[in-house]
Structure formats: structure tokens, C-alpha cells
Amino acid sequence: MTDHYYNAADLGRFSEMGEEAGHLWEKFNGWYTAVFAEGALTEREKALIALGVAHAVQCPYCIDAYSEACLENGADPEQMTEAVHVAAAIRGGASLVHGIQMRNKTRQLGM
């Protein structure tokens, strides 16, 4: 039993999600593999994007996986840190822009 919800070893068990629904796992895996293949973006660029998104959605499994993927694809810690800052800025901006909804509501209520 672990002392917390996140167990790093679980990342290695990800494929178990296909045990009871293999046909769905195959579809997900095929799509996922195609998404991360070299295309208009390099695999390094995609790994950096994924690392930023992993931090934005706060998935420790994804942070582990894409930290490793970034390094394997030639990104350095400075680039990785910048990607995390980009994600944090977008997330912060998204929170702030929703403040306009609050301002609209307070004006509507005449406050």
C-alpha cells in the first residue's frame, strides 16, 4: 500500500487498461502513436508540448513520461522549464480571463 494516490510504478502498467477492452485500447494506442509521430512538428516539439500540457492538467504520470520523452528527443532542461512556464502562463491567463465573467455578473446584479 502506498501513502499517496500517485504510484510511479503504475505508469508502467498503463497498457493494462486494454485488458478488458482490447479493441478500444488498440484504437487509442494507434491514435496516440500517430499523434506523436514526426509530422509538421518534430517528435521533440511534440514532447515539449506534451510536457507543458502534463503540467497544466497536473498529471504526475504524464510529467514523468514526457520529462523522459523530452530528454530522449534532445530537449534540454532549459527548454523543458520554458515549456512548463508557457503552460503555467496559459493556465494563469485562462483563470484571469474568466474573471470577466465575474465582472459581467456583478454588473448585471448592479453591484
PDB file of N, CA and C in Angstrom:
ATOM      1  N   MET A   1       0.835  -1.182   0.000  1.00  0.00           N
ATOM      2  CA  MET A   1       0.000   0.000   0.000  1.00  0.00           C
ATOM      3  C   MET A   1       0.879   1.244   0.000  1.00  0.00           C
ATOM      4  N   THR A   2       0.524   2.215  -0.820  1.00  0.00           N
ATOM      5  CA  THR A   2       1.282   3.456  -0.868  1.00  0.00           C
ATOM      6  C   THR A   2       0.651   4.478   0.069  1.00  0.00           C
ATOM      7  N   ASP A   3       1.451   5.479   0.419  1.00  0.00           N
ATOM      8  CA  ASP A   3       0.972   6.532   1.309  1.00  0.00           C
ATOM      9  C   ASP A   3       0.242   7.634   0.558  1.00  0.00           C
ATOM     10  N   HIS A   4       0.191   7.538  -0.756  1.00  0.00           N
ATOM     11  CA  HIS A   4      -0.443   8.575  -1.567  1.00  0.00           C
ATOM     12  C   HIS A   4      -1.048   7.933  -2.801  1.00  0.00           C
ATOM     13  N   TYR A   5      -1.842   8.706  -3.504  1.00  0.00           N
ATOM     14  CA  TYR A   5      -2.545   8.191  -4.673  1.00  0.00           C
ATOM     15  C   TYR A   5      -1.596   7.865  -5.822  1.00  0.00           C
ATOM     16  N   TYR A   6      -0.641   8.736  -6.061  1.00  0.00           N
ATOM     17  CA  TYR A   6       0.282   8.550  -7.175  1.00  0.00           C
ATOM     18  C   TYR A   6       1.314   7.486  -6.845  1.00  0.00           C
ATOM     19  N   ASN A   7       1.440   6.508  -7.723  1.00  0.00           N
ATOM     20  CA  ASN A   7       2.431   5.461  -7.587  1.00  0.00           C
ATOM     21  C   ASN A   7       3.179   5.396  -8.911  1.00  0.00           C
ATOM     22  N   ALA A   8       4.417   5.854  -8.934  1.00  0.00           N
ATOM     23  CA  ALA A   8       5.191   5.949 -10.172  1.00  0.00           C
ATOM     24  C   ALA A   8       5.223   4.632 -10.944  1.00  0.00           C
ATOM     25  N   ALA A   9       5.209   3.514 -10.254  1.00  0.00           N
ATOM     26  CA  ALA A   9       5.249   2.209 -10.926  1.00  0.00           C
ATOM     27  C   ALA A   9       3.999   1.961 -11.763  1.00  0.00           C
ATOM     28  N   ASP A  10       2.903   2.646 -11.454  1.00  0.00           N
ATOM     29  CA  ASP A  10       1.666   2.451 -12.215  1.00  0.00           C
ATOM     30  C   ASP A  10       1.797   2.879 -13.670  1.00  0.00           C
ATOM     31  N   LEU A  11       2.685   3.826 -13.957  1.00  0.00           N
ATOM     32  CA  LEU A  11       2.878   4.257 -15.342  1.00  0.00           C
ATOM     33  C   LEU A  11       3.263   3.073 -16.220  1.00  0.00           C
ATOM     34  N   GLY A  12       4.073   2.200 -15.715  1.00  0.00           N
ATOM     35  CA  GLY A  12       4.474   1.015 -16.458  1.00  0.00           C
ATOM     36  C   GLY A  12       3.349   0.012 -16.660  1.00  0.00           C
ATOM     37  N   ARG A  13       2.251   0.193 -15.955  1.00  0.00           N
ATOM     38  CA  ARG A  13       1.100  -0.711 -16.059  1.00  0.00           C
ATOM     39  C   ARG A  13       0.000  -0.131 -16.943  1.00  0.00           C
ATOM     40  N   PHE A  14       0.276   0.993 -17.596  1.00  0.00           N
ATOM     41  CA  PHE A  14      -0.742   1.700 -18.374  1.00  0.00           C
ATOM     42  C   PHE A  14      -1.461   0.780 -19.360  1.00  0.00           C
ATOM     43  N   SER A  15      -0.730  -0.113 -20.004  1.00  0.00           N
ATOM     44  CA  SER A  15      -1.348  -0.979 -21.015  1.00  0.00           C
ATOM     45  C   SER A  15      -2.373  -1.940 -20.438  1.00  0.00           C
ATOM     46  N   GLU A  16      -2.384  -2.117 -19.122  1.00  0.00           N
ATOM     47  CA  GLU A  16      -3.408  -2.972 -18.502  1.00  0.00           C
ATOM     48  C   GLU A  16      -4.814  -2.430 -18.764  1.00  0.00           C
ATOM     49  N   MET A  17      -4.914  -1.153 -19.105  1.00  0.00           N
ATOM     50  CA  MET A  17      -6.220  -0.566 -19.399  1.00  0.00           C
ATOM     51  C   MET A  17      -6.862  -1.209 -20.622  1.00  0.00           C
ATOM     52  N   GLY A  18      -6.097  -1.990 -21.375  1.00  0.00           N
ATOM     53  CA  GLY A  18      -6.648  -2.679 -22.528  1.00  0.00           C
ATOM     54  C   GLY A  18      -7.077  -4.097 -22.249  1.00  0.00           C
ATOM     55  N   GLU A  19      -6.918  -4.566 -21.024  1.00  0.00           N
ATOM     56  CA  GLU A  19      -7.206  -5.972 -20.745  1.00  0.00           C
ATOM     57  C   GLU A  19      -8.670  -6.341 -20.911  1.00  0.00           C
ATOM     58  N   GLU A  20      -9.570  -5.504 -20.493  1.00  0.00           N
ATOM     59  CA  GLU A  20     -10.986  -5.831 -20.605  1.00  0.00           C
ATOM     60  C   GLU A  20     -11.638  -5.216 -21.843  1.00  0.00           C
ATOM     61  N   ALA A  21     -10.910  -4.349 -22.524  1.00  0.00           N
ATOM     62  CA  ALA A  21     -11.456  -3.685 -23.714  1.00  0.00           C
ATOM     63  C   ALA A  21     -10.331  -3.510 -24.729  1.00  0.00           C
ATOM     64  N   GLY A  22      -9.795  -4.634 -25.170  1.00  0.00           N
ATOM     65  CA  GLY A  22      -8.649  -4.613 -26.067  1.00  0.00           C
ATOM     66  C   GLY A  22      -8.877  -3.837 -27.347  1.00  0.00           C
ATOM     67  N   HIS A  23     -10.074  -3.948 -27.893  1.00  0.00           N
ATOM     68  CA  HIS A  23     -10.358  -3.242 -29.145  1.00  0.00           C
ATOM     69  C   HIS A  23     -10.297  -1.725 -28.950  1.00  0.00           C
ATOM     70  N   LEU A  24     -10.732  -1.234 -27.798  1.00  0.00           N
ATOM     71  CA  LEU A  24     -10.650   0.199 -27.525  1.00  0.00           C
ATOM     72  C   LEU A  24      -9.219   0.622 -27.253  1.00  0.00           C
ATOM     73  N   TRP A  25      -8.475  -0.216 -26.526  1.00  0.00           N
ATOM     74  CA  TRP A  25      -7.076   0.089 -26.257  1.00  0.00           C
ATOM     75  C   TRP A  25      -6.295   0.175 -27.569  1.00  0.00           C
ATOM     76  N   GLU A  26      -6.550  -0.762 -28.498  1.00  0.00           N
ATOM     77  CA  GLU A  26      -5.864  -0.748 -29.787  1.00  0.00           C
ATOM     78  C   GLU A  26      -6.152   0.534 -30.552  1.00  0.00           C
ATOM     79  N   LYS A  27      -7.395   0.989 -30.515  1.00  0.00           N
ATOM     80  CA  LYS A  27      -7.753   2.238 -31.189  1.00  0.00           C
ATOM     81  C   LYS A  27      -7.047   3.424 -30.532  1.00  0.00           C
ATOM     82  N   PHE A  28      -7.074   3.479 -29.216  1.00  0.00           N
ATOM     83  CA  PHE A  28      -6.390   4.558 -28.512  1.00  0.00           C
ATOM     84  C   PHE A  28      -4.903   4.524 -28.823  1.00  0.00           C
ATOM     85  N   ASN A  29      -4.289   3.367 -28.714  1.00  0.00           N
ATOM     86  CA  ASN A  29      -2.853   3.242 -28.915  1.00  0.00           C
ATOM     87  C   ASN A  29      -2.450   3.623 -30.334  1.00  0.00           C
ATOM     88  N   GLY A  30      -3.249   3.224 -31.322  1.00  0.00           N
ATOM     89  CA  GLY A  30      -2.963   3.591 -32.712  1.00  0.00           C
ATOM     90  C   GLY A  30      -3.032   5.092 -32.925  1.00  0.00           C
ATOM     91  N   TRP A  31      -4.079   5.695 -32.379  1.00  0.00           N
ATOM     92  CA  TRP A  31      -4.252   7.146 -32.493  1.00  0.00           C
ATOM     93  C   TRP A  31      -3.123   7.870 -31.770  1.00  0.00           C
ATOM     94  N   TYR A  32      -2.842   7.448 -30.545  1.00  0.00           N
ATOM     95  CA  TYR A  32      -1.800   8.064 -29.726  1.00  0.00           C
ATOM     96  C   TYR A  32      -0.445   7.989 -30.423  1.00  0.00           C
ATOM     97  N   THR A  33      -0.128   6.828 -30.975  1.00  0.00           N
ATOM     98  CA  THR A  33       1.134   6.643 -31.686  1.00  0.00           C
ATOM     99  C   THR A  33       1.214   7.558 -32.894  1.00  0.00           C
ATOM    100  N   ALA A  34       0.118   7.670 -33.642  1.00  0.00           N
ATOM    101  CA  ALA A  34       0.089   8.547 -34.814  1.00  0.00           C
ATOM    102  C   ALA A  34       0.257  10.014 -34.420  1.00  0.00           C
ATOM    103  N   VAL A  35      -0.373  10.417 -33.330  1.00  0.00           N
ATOM    104  CA  VAL A  35      -0.271  11.801 -32.874  1.00  0.00           C
ATOM    105  C   VAL A  35       1.172  12.175 -32.573  1.00  0.00           C
ATOM    106  N   PHE A  36       1.921  11.291 -31.955  1.00  0.00           N
ATOM    107  CA  PHE A  36       3.280  11.607 -31.534  1.00  0.00           C
ATOM    108  C   PHE A  36       4.343  11.291 -32.580  1.00  0.00           C
ATOM    109  N   ALA A  37       3.930  10.785 -33.747  1.00  0.00           N
ATOM    110  CA  ALA A  37       4.886  10.533 -34.826  1.00  0.00           C
ATOM    111  C   ALA A  37       5.323  11.861 -35.448  1.00  0.00           C
ATOM    112  N   GLU A  38       6.509  11.869 -35.995  1.00  0.00           N
ATOM    113  CA  GLU A  38       7.025  13.053 -36.672  1.00  0.00           C
ATOM    114  C   GLU A  38       6.054  13.461 -37.771  1.00  0.00           C
ATOM    115  N   GLY A  39       5.765  14.720 -37.844  1.00  0.00           N
ATOM    116  CA  GLY A  39       4.870  15.262 -38.862  1.00  0.00           C
ATOM    117  C   GLY A  39       5.270  16.704 -39.123  1.00  0.00           C
ATOM    118  N   ALA A  40       4.291  17.607 -39.096  1.00  0.00           N
ATOM    119  CA  ALA A  40       4.606  19.032 -39.230  1.00  0.00           C
ATOM    120  C   ALA A  40       5.446  19.497 -38.040  1.00  0.00           C
ATOM    121  N   LEU A  41       5.278  18.828 -36.917  1.00  0.00           N
ATOM    122  CA  LEU A  41       6.082  19.081 -35.716  1.00  0.00           C
ATOM    123  C   LEU A  41       7.033  17.915 -35.512  1.00  0.00           C
ATOM    124  N   THR A  42       8.204  18.212 -34.997  1.00  0.00           N
ATOM    125  CA  THR A  42       9.157  17.145 -34.693  1.00  0.00           C
ATOM    126  C   THR A  42       8.706  16.406 -33.431  1.00  0.00           C
ATOM    127  N   GLU A  43       9.264  15.237 -33.225  1.00  0.00           N
ATOM    128  CA  GLU A  43       8.961  14.495 -32.007  1.00  0.00           C
ATOM    129  C   GLU A  43       9.405  15.279 -30.772  1.00  0.00           C
ATOM    130  N   ARG A  44      10.504  16.021 -30.877  1.00  0.00           N
ATOM    131  CA  ARG A  44      10.983  16.855 -29.775  1.00  0.00           C
ATOM    132  C   ARG A  44       9.973  17.953 -29.458  1.00  0.00           C
ATOM    133  N   GLU A  45       9.468  18.619 -30.484  1.00  0.00           N
ATOM    134  CA  GLU A  45       8.475  19.676 -30.271  1.00  0.00           C
ATOM    135  C   GLU A  45       7.206  19.111 -29.641  1.00  0.00           C
ATOM    136  N   LYS A  46       6.775  17.959 -30.115  1.00  0.00           N
ATOM    137  CA  LYS A  46       5.575  17.333 -29.555  1.00  0.00           C
ATOM    138  C   LYS A  46       5.789  16.933 -28.102  1.00  0.00           C
ATOM    139  N   ALA A  47       6.976  16.444 -27.777  1.00  0.00           N
ATOM    140  CA  ALA A  47       7.275  16.073 -26.386  1.00  0.00           C
ATOM    141  C   ALA A  47       7.255  17.309 -25.490  1.00  0.00           C
ATOM    142  N   LEU A  48       7.779  18.432 -25.973  1.00  0.00           N
ATOM    143  CA  LEU A  48       7.759  19.660 -25.185  1.00  0.00           C
ATOM    144  C   LEU A  48       6.328  20.161 -24.978  1.00  0.00           C
ATOM    145  N   ILE A  49       5.510  20.086 -26.017  1.00  0.00           N
ATOM    146  CA  ILE A  49       4.097  20.457 -25.874  1.00  0.00           C
ATOM    147  C   ILE A  49       3.431  19.554 -24.842  1.00  0.00           C
ATOM    148  N   ALA A  50       3.671  18.257 -24.966  1.00  0.00           N
ATOM    149  CA  ALA A  50       3.070  17.297 -24.038  1.00  0.00           C
ATOM    150  C   ALA A  50       3.517  17.555 -22.604  1.00  0.00           C
ATOM    151  N   LEU A  51       4.774  17.937 -22.427  1.00  0.00           N
ATOM    152  CA  LEU A  51       5.270  18.231 -21.083  1.00  0.00           C
ATOM    153  C   LEU A  51       4.528  19.439 -20.496  1.00  0.00           C
ATOM    154  N   GLY A  52       4.341  20.458 -21.307  1.00  0.00           N
ATOM    155  CA  GLY A  52       3.590  21.627 -20.844  1.00  0.00           C
ATOM    156  C   GLY A  52       2.161  21.277 -20.487  1.00  0.00           C
ATOM    157  N   VAL A  53       1.504  20.517 -21.348  1.00  0.00           N
ATOM    158  CA  VAL A  53       0.127  20.101 -21.083  1.00  0.00           C
ATOM    159  C   VAL A  53       0.065  19.232 -19.835  1.00  0.00           C
ATOM    160  N   ALA A  54       1.035  18.343 -19.665  1.00  0.00           N
ATOM    161  CA  ALA A  54       1.079  17.471 -18.484  1.00  0.00           C
ATOM    162  C   ALA A  54       1.087  18.296 -17.203  1.00  0.00           C
ATOM    163  N   HIS A  55       1.824  19.387 -17.217  1.00  0.00           N
ATOM    164  CA  HIS A  55       1.845  20.258 -16.040  1.00  0.00           C
ATOM    165  C   HIS A  55       0.529  21.012 -15.893  1.00  0.00           C
ATOM    166  N   ALA A  56      -0.047  21.450 -17.016  1.00  0.00           N
ATOM    167  CA  ALA A  56      -1.318  22.193 -16.955  1.00  0.00           C
ATOM    168  C   ALA A  56      -2.439  21.327 -16.396  1.00  0.00           C
ATOM    169  N   VAL A  57      -2.452  20.040 -16.770  1.00  0.00           N
ATOM    170  CA  VAL A  57      -3.507  19.148 -16.265  1.00  0.00           C
ATOM    171  C   VAL A  57      -3.081  18.436 -14.986  1.00  0.00           C
ATOM    172  N   GLN A  58      -1.852  18.690 -14.562  1.00  0.00           N
ATOM    173  CA  GLN A  58      -1.303  18.185 -13.309  1.00  0.00           C
ATOM    174  C   GLN A  58      -1.350  16.664 -13.199  1.00  0.00           C
ATOM    175  N   CYS A  59      -0.860  16.009 -14.261  1.00  0.00           N
ATOM    176  CA  CYS A  59      -0.808  14.544 -14.283  1.00  0.00           C
ATOM    177  C   CYS A  59       0.618  14.085 -13.980  1.00  0.00           C
ATOM    178  N   PRO A  60       0.867  13.570 -12.779  1.00  0.00           N
ATOM    179  CA  PRO A  60       2.237  13.162 -12.444  1.00  0.00           C
ATOM    180  C   PRO A  60       2.772  12.053 -13.344  1.00  0.00           C
ATOM    181  N   TYR A  61       1.900  11.179 -13.816  1.00  0.00           N
ATOM    182  CA  TYR A  61       2.337  10.119 -14.721  1.00  0.00           C
ATOM    183  C   TYR A  61       2.829  10.723 -16.036  1.00  0.00           C
ATOM    184  N   CYS A  62       2.075  11.689 -16.552  1.00  0.00           N
ATOM    185  CA  CYS A  62       2.450  12.348 -17.799  1.00  0.00           C
ATOM    186  C   CYS A  62       3.713  13.179 -17.621  1.00  0.00           C
ATOM    187  N   ILE A  63       3.847  13.836 -16.478  1.00  0.00           N
ATOM    188  CA  ILE A  63       5.055  14.625 -16.220  1.00  0.00           C
ATOM    189  C   ILE A  63       6.274  13.708 -16.263  1.00  0.00           C
ATOM    190  N   ASP A  64       6.190  12.566 -15.620  1.00  0.00           N
ATOM    191  CA  ASP A  64       7.296  11.601 -15.663  1.00  0.00           C
ATOM    192  C   ASP A  64       7.573  11.156 -17.095  1.00  0.00           C
ATOM    193  N   ALA A  65       6.523  10.738 -17.799  1.00  0.00           N
ATOM    194  CA  ALA A  65       6.688  10.193 -19.144  1.00  0.00           C
ATOM    195  C   ALA A  65       7.244  11.226 -20.116  1.00  0.00           C
ATOM    196  N   TYR A  66       6.738  12.447 -20.069  1.00  0.00           N
ATOM    197  CA  TYR A  66       7.170  13.445 -21.043  1.00  0.00           C
ATOM    198  C   TYR A  66       8.443  14.151 -20.643  1.00  0.00           C
ATOM    199  N   SER A  67       8.812  14.125 -19.375  1.00  0.00           N
ATOM    200  CA  SER A  67      10.153  14.583 -18.995  1.00  0.00           C
ATOM    201  C   SER A  67      11.177  13.665 -19.655  1.00  0.00           C
ATOM    202  N   GLU A  68      10.926  12.380 -19.556  1.00  0.00           N
ATOM    203  CA  GLU A  68      11.815  11.398 -20.177  1.00  0.00           C
ATOM    204  C   GLU A  68      11.794  11.527 -21.696  1.00  0.00           C
ATOM    205  N   ALA A  69      10.604  11.672 -22.283  1.00  0.00           N
ATOM    206  CA  ALA A  69      10.488  11.792 -23.742  1.00  0.00           C
ATOM    207  C   ALA A  69      11.220  13.033 -24.254  1.00  0.00           C
ATOM    208  N   CYS A  70      11.117  14.119 -23.512  1.00  0.00           N
ATOM    209  CA  CYS A  70      11.824  15.344 -23.915  1.00  0.00           C
ATOM    210  C   CYS A  70      13.323  15.101 -23.969  1.00  0.00           C
ATOM    211  N   LEU A  71      13.865  14.514 -22.936  1.00  0.00           N
ATOM    212  CA  LEU A  71      15.308  14.242 -22.893  1.00  0.00           C
ATOM    213  C   LEU A  71      15.714  13.279 -24.001  1.00  0.00           C
ATOM    214  N   GLU A  72      14.921  12.239 -24.218  1.00  0.00           N
ATOM    215  CA  GLU A  72      15.227  11.259 -25.266  1.00  0.00           C
ATOM    216  C   GLU A  72      15.197  11.884 -26.653  1.00  0.00           C
ATOM    217  N   ASN A  73      14.401  12.944 -26.825  1.00  0.00           N
ATOM    218  CA  ASN A  73      14.271  13.590 -28.134  1.00  0.00           C
ATOM    219  C   ASN A  73      15.122  14.846 -28.268  1.00  0.00           C
ATOM    220  N   GLY A  74      16.075  15.021 -27.346  1.00  0.00           N
ATOM    221  CA  GLY A  74      17.057  16.069 -27.499  1.00  0.00           C
ATOM    222  C   GLY A  74      16.753  17.408 -26.848  1.00  0.00           C
ATOM    223  N   ALA A  75      15.669  17.502 -26.087  1.00  0.00           N
ATOM    224  CA  ALA A  75      15.389  18.740 -25.369  1.00  0.00           C
ATOM    225  C   ALA A  75      16.289  18.817 -24.147  1.00  0.00           C
ATOM    226  N   ASP A  76      16.587  20.030 -23.729  1.00  0.00           N
ATOM    227  CA  ASP A  76      17.398  20.195 -22.536  1.00  0.00           C
ATOM    228  C   ASP A  76      16.540  20.777 -21.403  1.00  0.00           C
ATOM    229  N   PRO A  77      17.042  20.740 -20.183  1.00  0.00           N
ATOM    230  CA  PRO A  77      16.245  21.233 -19.045  1.00  0.00           C
ATOM    231  C   PRO A  77      15.783  22.687 -19.195  1.00  0.00           C
ATOM    232  N   GLU A  78      16.572  23.525 -19.860  1.00  0.00           N
ATOM    233  CA  GLU A  78      16.156  24.913 -20.062  1.00  0.00           C
ATOM    234  C   GLU A  78      14.911  24.978 -20.953  1.00  0.00           C
ATOM    235  N   GLN A  79      14.901  24.213 -22.025  1.00  0.00           N
ATOM    236  CA  GLN A  79      13.742  24.180 -22.924  1.00  0.00           C
ATOM    237  C   GLN A  79      12.528  23.586 -22.207  1.00  0.00           C
ATOM    238  N   MET A  80      12.760  22.546 -21.427  1.00  0.00           N
ATOM    239  CA  MET A  80      11.669  21.899 -20.705  1.00  0.00           C
ATOM    240  C   MET A  80      11.063  22.856 -19.681  1.00  0.00           C
ATOM    241  N   THR A  81      11.922  23.583 -18.979  1.00  0.00           N
ATOM    242  CA  THR A  81      11.439  24.536 -17.988  1.00  0.00           C
ATOM    243  C   THR A  81      10.642  25.642 -18.656  1.00  0.00           C
ATOM    244  N   GLU A  82      11.112  26.096 -19.806  1.00  0.00           N
ATOM    245  CA  GLU A  82      10.384  27.133 -20.541  1.00  0.00           C
ATOM    246  C   GLU A  82       9.008  26.619 -20.975  1.00  0.00           C
ATOM    247  N   ALA A  83       8.940  25.367 -21.415  1.00  0.00           N
ATOM    248  CA  ALA A  83       7.654  24.789 -21.803  1.00  0.00           C
ATOM    249  C   ALA A  83       6.682  24.764 -20.622  1.00  0.00           C
ATOM    250  N   VAL A  84       7.200  24.451 -19.438  1.00  0.00           N
ATOM    251  CA  VAL A  84       6.359  24.438 -18.233  1.00  0.00           C
ATOM    252  C   VAL A  84       5.881  25.857 -17.919  1.00  0.00           C
ATOM    253  N   HIS A  85       6.748  26.840 -18.086  1.00  0.00           N
ATOM    254  CA  HIS A  85       6.349  28.233 -17.840  1.00  0.00           C
ATOM    255  C   HIS A  85       5.288  28.687 -18.844  1.00  0.00           C
ATOM    256  N   VAL A  86       5.410  28.262 -20.091  1.00  0.00           N
ATOM    257  CA  VAL A  86       4.390  28.601 -21.086  1.00  0.00           C
ATOM    258  C   VAL A  86       3.041  28.036 -20.650  1.00  0.00           C
ATOM    259  N   ALA A  87       3.031  26.774 -20.237  1.00  0.00           N
ATOM    260  CA  ALA A  87       1.780  26.151 -19.788  1.00  0.00           C
ATOM    261  C   ALA A  87       1.213  26.873 -18.577  1.00  0.00           C
ATOM    262  N   ALA A  88       2.077  27.247 -17.637  1.00  0.00           N
ATOM    263  CA  ALA A  88       1.619  27.947 -16.435  1.00  0.00           C
ATOM    264  C   ALA A  88       1.032  29.311 -16.789  1.00  0.00           C
ATOM    265  N   ALA A  89       1.658  30.001 -17.739  1.00  0.00           N
ATOM    266  CA  ALA A  89       1.149  31.310 -18.148  1.00  0.00           C
ATOM    267  C   ALA A  89      -0.214  31.186 -18.815  1.00  0.00           C
ATOM    268  N   ILE A  90      -0.383  30.180 -19.653  1.00  0.00           N
ATOM    269  CA  ILE A  90      -1.679  29.965 -20.310  1.00  0.00           C
ATOM    270  C   ILE A  90      -2.736  29.625 -19.275  1.00  0.00           C
ATOM    271  N   ARG A  91      -2.384  28.752 -18.335  1.00  0.00           N
ATOM    272  CA  ARG A  91      -3.340  28.377 -17.298  1.00  0.00           C
ATOM    273  C   ARG A  91      -3.711  29.577 -16.427  1.00  0.00           C
ATOM    274  N   GLY A  92      -2.708  30.390 -16.074  1.00  0.00           N
ATOM    275  CA  GLY A  92      -2.974  31.589 -15.286  1.00  0.00           C
ATOM    276  C   GLY A  92      -3.837  32.579 -16.048  1.00  0.00           C
ATOM    277  N   GLY A  93      -3.526  32.773 -17.319  1.00  0.00           N
ATOM    278  CA  GLY A  93      -4.322  33.675 -18.149  1.00  0.00           C
ATOM    279  C   GLY A  93      -5.756  33.198 -18.307  1.00  0.00           C
ATOM    280  N   ALA A  94      -5.922  31.888 -18.442  1.00  0.00           N
ATOM    281  CA  ALA A  94      -7.272  31.332 -18.566  1.00  0.00           C
ATOM    282  C   ALA A  94      -8.080  31.583 -17.304  1.00  0.00           C
ATOM    283  N   SER A  95      -7.430  31.491 -16.158  1.00  0.00           N
ATOM    284  CA  SER A  95      -8.125  31.794 -14.897  1.00  0.00           C
ATOM    285  C   SER A  95      -8.503  33.260 -14.846  1.00  0.00           C
ATOM    286  N   LEU A  96      -7.584  34.117 -15.222  1.00  0.00           N
ATOM    287  CA  LEU A  96      -7.852  35.552 -15.157  1.00  0.00           C
ATOM    288  C   LEU A  96      -8.937  35.990 -16.130  1.00  0.00           C
ATOM    289  N   VAL A  97      -8.916  35.476 -17.343  1.00  0.00           N
ATOM    290  CA  VAL A  97      -9.913  35.907 -18.328  1.00  0.00           C
ATOM    291  C   VAL A  97     -11.326  35.499 -17.900  1.00  0.00           C
ATOM    292  N   HIS A  98     -11.431  34.423 -17.128  1.00  0.00           N
ATOM    293  CA  HIS A  98     -12.742  34.043 -16.606  1.00  0.00           C
ATOM    294  C   HIS A  98     -13.231  35.044 -15.557  1.00  0.00           C
ATOM    295  N   GLY A  99     -12.326  35.886 -15.065  1.00  0.00           N
ATOM    296  CA  GLY A  99     -12.725  36.959 -14.164  1.00  0.00           C
ATOM    297  C   GLY A  99     -13.660  37.950 -14.835  1.00  0.00           C
ATOM    298  N   ILE A 100     -13.592  38.047 -16.149  1.00  0.00           N
ATOM    299  CA  ILE A 100     -14.516  38.917 -16.887  1.00  0.00           C
ATOM    300  C   ILE A 100     -15.943  38.420 -16.711  1.00  0.00           C
ATOM    301  N   GLN A 101     -16.130  37.112 -16.665  1.00  0.00           N
ATOM    302  CA  GLN A 101     -17.464  36.555 -16.412  1.00  0.00           C
ATOM    303  C   GLN A 101     -17.969  37.026 -15.056  1.00  0.00           C
ATOM    304  N   MET A 102     -17.093  37.013 -14.052  1.00  0.00           N
ATOM    305  CA  MET A 102     -17.467  37.504 -12.721  1.00  0.00           C
ATOM    306  C   MET A 102     -17.826  38.976 -12.789  1.00  0.00           C
ATOM    307  N   ARG A 103     -17.024  39.760 -13.503  1.00  0.00           N
ATOM    308  CA  ARG A 103     -17.292  41.194 -13.616  1.00  0.00           C
ATOM    309  C   ARG A 103     -18.624  41.444 -14.326  1.00  0.00           C
ATOM    310  N   ASN A 104     -18.896  40.664 -15.367  1.00  0.00           N
ATOM    311  CA  ASN A 104     -20.178  40.801 -16.066  1.00  0.00           C
ATOM    312  C   ASN A 104     -21.343  40.514 -15.125  1.00  0.00           C
ATOM    313  N   LYS A 105     -21.206  39.466 -14.322  1.00  0.00           N
ATOM    314  CA  LYS A 105     -22.285  39.083 -13.403  1.00  0.00           C
ATOM    315  C   LYS A 105     -22.493  40.146 -12.335  1.00  0.00           C
ATOM    316  N   THR A 106     -21.401  40.693 -11.779  1.00  0.00           N
ATOM    317  CA  THR A 106     -21.577  41.731 -10.757  1.00  0.00           C
ATOM    318  C   THR A 106     -22.212  42.985 -11.331  1.00  0.00           C
ATOM    319  N   ARG A 107     -21.875  43.307 -12.567  1.00  0.00           N
ATOM    320  CA  ARG A 107     -22.517  44.470 -13.227  1.00  0.00           C
ATOM    321  C   ARG A 107     -23.991  44.192 -13.469  1.00  0.00           C
ATOM    322  N   GLN A 108     -24.295  42.958 -13.900  1.00  0.00           N
ATOM    323  CA  GLN A 108     -25.682  42.577 -14.157  1.00  0.00           C
ATOM    324  C   GLN A 108     -26.507  42.703 -12.877  1.00  0.00           C
ATOM    325  N   LEU A 109     -25.909  42.370 -11.759  1.00  0.00           N
ATOM    326  CA  LEU A 109     -26.618  42.410 -10.471  1.00  0.00           C
ATOM    327  C   LEU A 109     -26.578  43.825  -9.857  1.00  0.00           C
ATOM    328  N   GLY A 110     -25.901  44.748 -10.543  1.00  0.00           N
ATOM    329  CA  GLY A 110     -25.851  46.131 -10.088  1.00  0.00           C
ATOM    330  C   GLY A 110     -24.987  46.334  -8.865  1.00  0.00           C
ATOM    331  N   MET A 111     -23.930  45.595  -8.770  1.00  0.00           N
ATOM    332  CA  MET A 111     -23.045  45.701  -7.606  1.00  0.00           C
ATOM    333  C   MET A 111     -21.777  46.435  -7.961  1.00  0.00           C
TER     334      MET A 111
END
